[in-house]
N, C-alpha and C. Protein backbone atom coordinates (compact mmCIF):
# COMPACT_ATOMS: atom_id res chain seq x y z
N MET A 1 142.65 -103.93 58.77
CA MET A 1 143.56 -102.82 58.79
C MET A 1 144.03 -102.46 57.38
N ALA A 2 144.25 -103.46 56.56
CA ALA A 2 144.67 -103.22 55.18
C ALA A 2 143.60 -102.46 54.42
N LEU A 3 142.35 -102.79 54.68
CA LEU A 3 141.24 -102.11 54.03
C LEU A 3 141.22 -100.64 54.42
N LEU A 4 141.45 -100.35 55.67
CA LEU A 4 141.48 -98.97 56.15
C LEU A 4 142.62 -98.19 55.49
N GLU A 5 143.79 -98.80 55.37
CA GLU A 5 144.93 -98.14 54.72
C GLU A 5 144.64 -97.88 53.25
N GLN A 6 143.97 -98.80 52.58
CA GLN A 6 143.61 -98.61 51.17
C GLN A 6 142.63 -97.45 51.03
N ARG A 7 141.64 -97.38 51.92
CA ARG A 7 140.66 -96.29 51.86
C ARG A 7 141.33 -94.94 52.10
N VAL A 8 142.24 -94.89 53.05
CA VAL A 8 142.95 -93.64 53.33
C VAL A 8 143.81 -93.24 52.14
N SER A 9 144.50 -94.16 51.53
CA SER A 9 145.33 -93.84 50.37
C SER A 9 144.46 -93.40 49.19
N ASP A 10 143.26 -93.97 49.06
CA ASP A 10 142.34 -93.53 48.01
C ASP A 10 141.88 -92.10 48.25
N LEU A 11 141.69 -91.73 49.51
CA LEU A 11 141.25 -90.37 49.83
C LEU A 11 142.37 -89.35 49.59
N VAL A 12 143.60 -89.77 49.81
CA VAL A 12 144.72 -88.86 49.64
C VAL A 12 144.96 -88.54 48.17
N SER A 13 144.85 -89.52 47.30
CA SER A 13 145.08 -89.28 45.88
C SER A 13 143.82 -88.69 45.24
N VAL A 14 144.04 -87.80 44.30
CA VAL A 14 142.94 -87.15 43.59
C VAL A 14 142.76 -87.86 42.26
N PRO A 15 141.54 -88.23 41.93
CA PRO A 15 141.31 -88.89 40.63
C PRO A 15 141.70 -87.97 39.47
N GLY A 16 142.11 -88.60 38.39
CA GLY A 16 142.55 -87.85 37.22
C GLY A 16 141.48 -86.95 36.64
N ARG A 17 140.24 -87.40 36.66
CA ARG A 17 139.16 -86.58 36.08
C ARG A 17 138.96 -85.29 36.86
N VAL A 18 139.18 -85.36 38.19
CA VAL A 18 139.04 -84.15 39.00
C VAL A 18 140.16 -83.16 38.66
N THR A 19 141.36 -83.68 38.51
CA THR A 19 142.49 -82.82 38.14
C THR A 19 142.26 -82.20 36.77
N ARG A 20 141.74 -82.98 35.84
CA ARG A 20 141.46 -82.47 34.50
C ARG A 20 140.39 -81.38 34.55
N LEU A 21 139.34 -81.61 35.34
CA LEU A 21 138.28 -80.61 35.45
C LEU A 21 138.80 -79.33 36.10
N GLU A 22 139.66 -79.48 37.12
CA GLU A 22 140.24 -78.30 37.74
C GLU A 22 141.05 -77.50 36.72
N GLY A 23 141.81 -78.20 35.90
CA GLY A 23 142.59 -77.52 34.86
C GLY A 23 141.71 -76.80 33.86
N GLU A 24 140.62 -77.45 33.47
CA GLU A 24 139.69 -76.82 32.52
C GLU A 24 139.04 -75.59 33.14
N PHE A 25 138.66 -75.68 34.41
CA PHE A 25 138.03 -74.53 35.06
C PHE A 25 139.03 -73.37 35.21
N GLU A 26 140.28 -73.68 35.52
CA GLU A 26 141.29 -72.63 35.62
C GLU A 26 141.50 -71.97 34.25
N HIS A 27 141.53 -72.77 33.20
CA HIS A 27 141.68 -72.23 31.85
C HIS A 27 140.49 -71.35 31.49
N MET A 28 139.29 -71.80 31.82
CA MET A 28 138.09 -71.01 31.54
C MET A 28 138.09 -69.72 32.36
N ALA A 29 138.57 -69.78 33.60
CA ALA A 29 138.65 -68.58 34.42
C ALA A 29 139.62 -67.57 33.81
N ASP A 30 140.75 -68.06 33.29
CA ASP A 30 141.70 -67.18 32.62
C ASP A 30 141.07 -66.54 31.39
N GLN A 31 140.34 -67.34 30.62
CA GLN A 31 139.68 -66.80 29.43
C GLN A 31 138.64 -65.75 29.82
N LEU A 32 137.91 -65.98 30.89
CA LEU A 32 136.92 -65.00 31.34
C LEU A 32 137.58 -63.71 31.80
N GLU A 33 138.73 -63.81 32.45
CA GLU A 33 139.46 -62.61 32.86
C GLU A 33 139.91 -61.82 31.64
N GLU A 34 140.43 -62.51 30.63
CA GLU A 34 140.84 -61.83 29.40
C GLU A 34 139.65 -61.18 28.71
N LEU A 35 138.53 -61.87 28.71
CA LEU A 35 137.31 -61.32 28.12
C LEU A 35 136.85 -60.07 28.87
N ALA A 36 136.94 -60.12 30.19
CA ALA A 36 136.55 -58.96 31.00
C ALA A 36 137.47 -57.77 30.72
N ASP A 37 138.77 -58.03 30.57
CA ASP A 37 139.70 -56.95 30.24
C ASP A 37 139.36 -56.34 28.89
N GLY A 38 139.08 -57.18 27.91
CA GLY A 38 138.68 -56.68 26.60
C GLY A 38 137.38 -55.89 26.66
N GLN A 39 136.46 -56.36 27.48
CA GLN A 39 135.18 -55.65 27.65
C GLN A 39 135.41 -54.26 28.25
N ARG A 40 136.31 -54.17 29.23
CA ARG A 40 136.60 -52.87 29.84
C ARG A 40 137.22 -51.92 28.82
N LYS A 41 138.14 -52.42 28.01
CA LYS A 41 138.77 -51.58 26.99
C LYS A 41 137.74 -51.12 25.96
N LEU A 42 136.87 -52.03 25.55
CA LEU A 42 135.84 -51.69 24.57
C LEU A 42 134.87 -50.66 25.15
N THR A 43 134.50 -50.83 26.40
CA THR A 43 133.59 -49.87 27.04
C THR A 43 134.23 -48.49 27.11
N ALA A 44 135.51 -48.43 27.45
CA ALA A 44 136.20 -47.14 27.51
C ALA A 44 136.27 -46.49 26.13
N THR A 45 136.53 -47.28 25.11
CA THR A 45 136.61 -46.76 23.74
C THR A 45 135.26 -46.23 23.28
N VAL A 46 134.21 -46.99 23.55
CA VAL A 46 132.87 -46.56 23.14
C VAL A 46 132.46 -45.30 23.90
N ALA A 47 132.79 -45.22 25.18
CA ALA A 47 132.47 -44.02 25.95
C ALA A 47 133.21 -42.81 25.40
N ASP A 48 134.46 -43.00 25.02
CA ASP A 48 135.25 -41.91 24.44
C ASP A 48 134.64 -41.46 23.11
N LEU A 49 134.26 -42.42 22.27
CA LEU A 49 133.61 -42.07 21.00
C LEU A 49 132.29 -41.34 21.24
N GLY A 50 131.53 -41.79 22.22
CA GLY A 50 130.27 -41.13 22.55
C GLY A 50 130.48 -39.68 22.96
N THR A 51 131.51 -39.43 23.75
CA THR A 51 131.82 -38.07 24.17
C THR A 51 132.18 -37.21 22.96
N LYS A 52 133.01 -37.75 22.08
CA LYS A 52 133.41 -37.00 20.89
C LYS A 52 132.22 -36.70 19.98
N VAL A 53 131.35 -37.68 19.79
CA VAL A 53 130.17 -37.48 18.94
C VAL A 53 129.24 -36.44 19.56
N THR A 54 129.06 -36.50 20.88
CA THR A 54 128.20 -35.53 21.56
C THR A 54 128.74 -34.12 21.39
N ARG A 55 130.05 -33.95 21.55
CA ARG A 55 130.66 -32.63 21.37
C ARG A 55 130.49 -32.14 19.94
N MET A 56 130.70 -33.04 18.97
CA MET A 56 130.57 -32.66 17.57
C MET A 56 129.14 -32.23 17.25
N ILE A 57 128.17 -32.95 17.76
CA ILE A 57 126.77 -32.58 17.52
C ILE A 57 126.47 -31.21 18.13
N GLY A 58 126.99 -30.96 19.33
CA GLY A 58 126.80 -29.65 19.96
C GLY A 58 127.42 -28.53 19.15
N ILE A 59 128.63 -28.75 18.67
CA ILE A 59 129.31 -27.73 17.87
C ILE A 59 128.55 -27.47 16.57
N LEU A 60 128.12 -28.54 15.90
CA LEU A 60 127.38 -28.37 14.65
C LEU A 60 126.04 -27.67 14.88
N THR A 61 125.41 -27.94 16.00
CA THR A 61 124.14 -27.28 16.32
C THR A 61 124.36 -25.78 16.50
N VAL A 62 125.40 -25.41 17.24
CA VAL A 62 125.70 -23.99 17.45
C VAL A 62 126.03 -23.32 16.11
N LEU A 63 126.83 -23.98 15.29
CA LEU A 63 127.16 -23.40 13.98
C LEU A 63 125.92 -23.25 13.11
N GLY A 64 125.01 -24.22 13.17
CA GLY A 64 123.77 -24.12 12.41
C GLY A 64 122.91 -22.95 12.86
N VAL A 65 122.81 -22.75 14.16
CA VAL A 65 122.03 -21.62 14.69
C VAL A 65 122.66 -20.30 14.27
N VAL A 66 123.97 -20.21 14.38
CA VAL A 66 124.67 -18.98 13.99
C VAL A 66 124.48 -18.74 12.49
N ALA A 67 124.55 -19.77 11.69
CA ALA A 67 124.36 -19.61 10.24
C ALA A 67 122.95 -19.15 9.93
N GLN A 68 121.95 -19.64 10.65
CA GLN A 68 120.57 -19.21 10.42
C GLN A 68 120.36 -17.75 10.81
N ILE A 69 121.13 -17.27 11.76
CA ILE A 69 120.99 -15.87 12.18
C ILE A 69 121.78 -14.94 11.25
N VAL A 70 122.99 -15.33 10.89
CA VAL A 70 123.88 -14.46 10.14
C VAL A 70 123.60 -14.50 8.63
N ALA A 71 123.24 -15.63 8.10
CA ALA A 71 123.07 -15.78 6.65
C ALA A 71 122.04 -14.80 6.07
N PRO A 72 120.86 -14.63 6.66
CA PRO A 72 119.92 -13.66 6.07
C PRO A 72 120.47 -12.23 6.04
N ALA A 73 121.19 -11.85 7.09
CA ALA A 73 121.76 -10.49 7.10
C ALA A 73 122.80 -10.33 6.01
N ILE A 74 123.64 -11.32 5.82
CA ILE A 74 124.66 -11.25 4.77
C ILE A 74 124.01 -11.25 3.39
N LEU A 75 122.98 -12.05 3.20
CA LEU A 75 122.30 -12.10 1.90
C LEU A 75 121.60 -10.78 1.60
N ARG A 76 121.07 -10.09 2.61
CA ARG A 76 120.42 -8.79 2.38
C ARG A 76 121.45 -7.74 1.95
N VAL A 77 122.66 -7.85 2.51
CA VAL A 77 123.71 -6.89 2.14
C VAL A 77 124.19 -7.18 0.72
N LEU A 78 124.37 -8.45 0.38
CA LEU A 78 124.89 -8.79 -0.94
C LEU A 78 123.84 -8.61 -2.04
N PHE A 79 122.59 -8.94 -1.75
CA PHE A 79 121.51 -8.83 -2.74
C PHE A 79 120.40 -7.93 -2.19
N PRO A 80 120.57 -6.63 -2.38
CA PRO A 80 119.58 -5.69 -1.80
C PRO A 80 118.21 -5.73 -2.46
């Protein structure tokens, strides 16, 4: 009977290494959550920059086309 009580008490208590590993895994999970939050912020920032760059390229393209159309006419007027 004493052996049975010892085995049951051993099952009830958690070894220290298991508790330490659980703590390490919880810490790593917290770090991964923080990393995921940073990744989301970085992705949003890069997407915003991409949108701005795309708009700027579009605007510069339109200005370039307009300059190619208007510049020869202006030069003909200034230098006949």
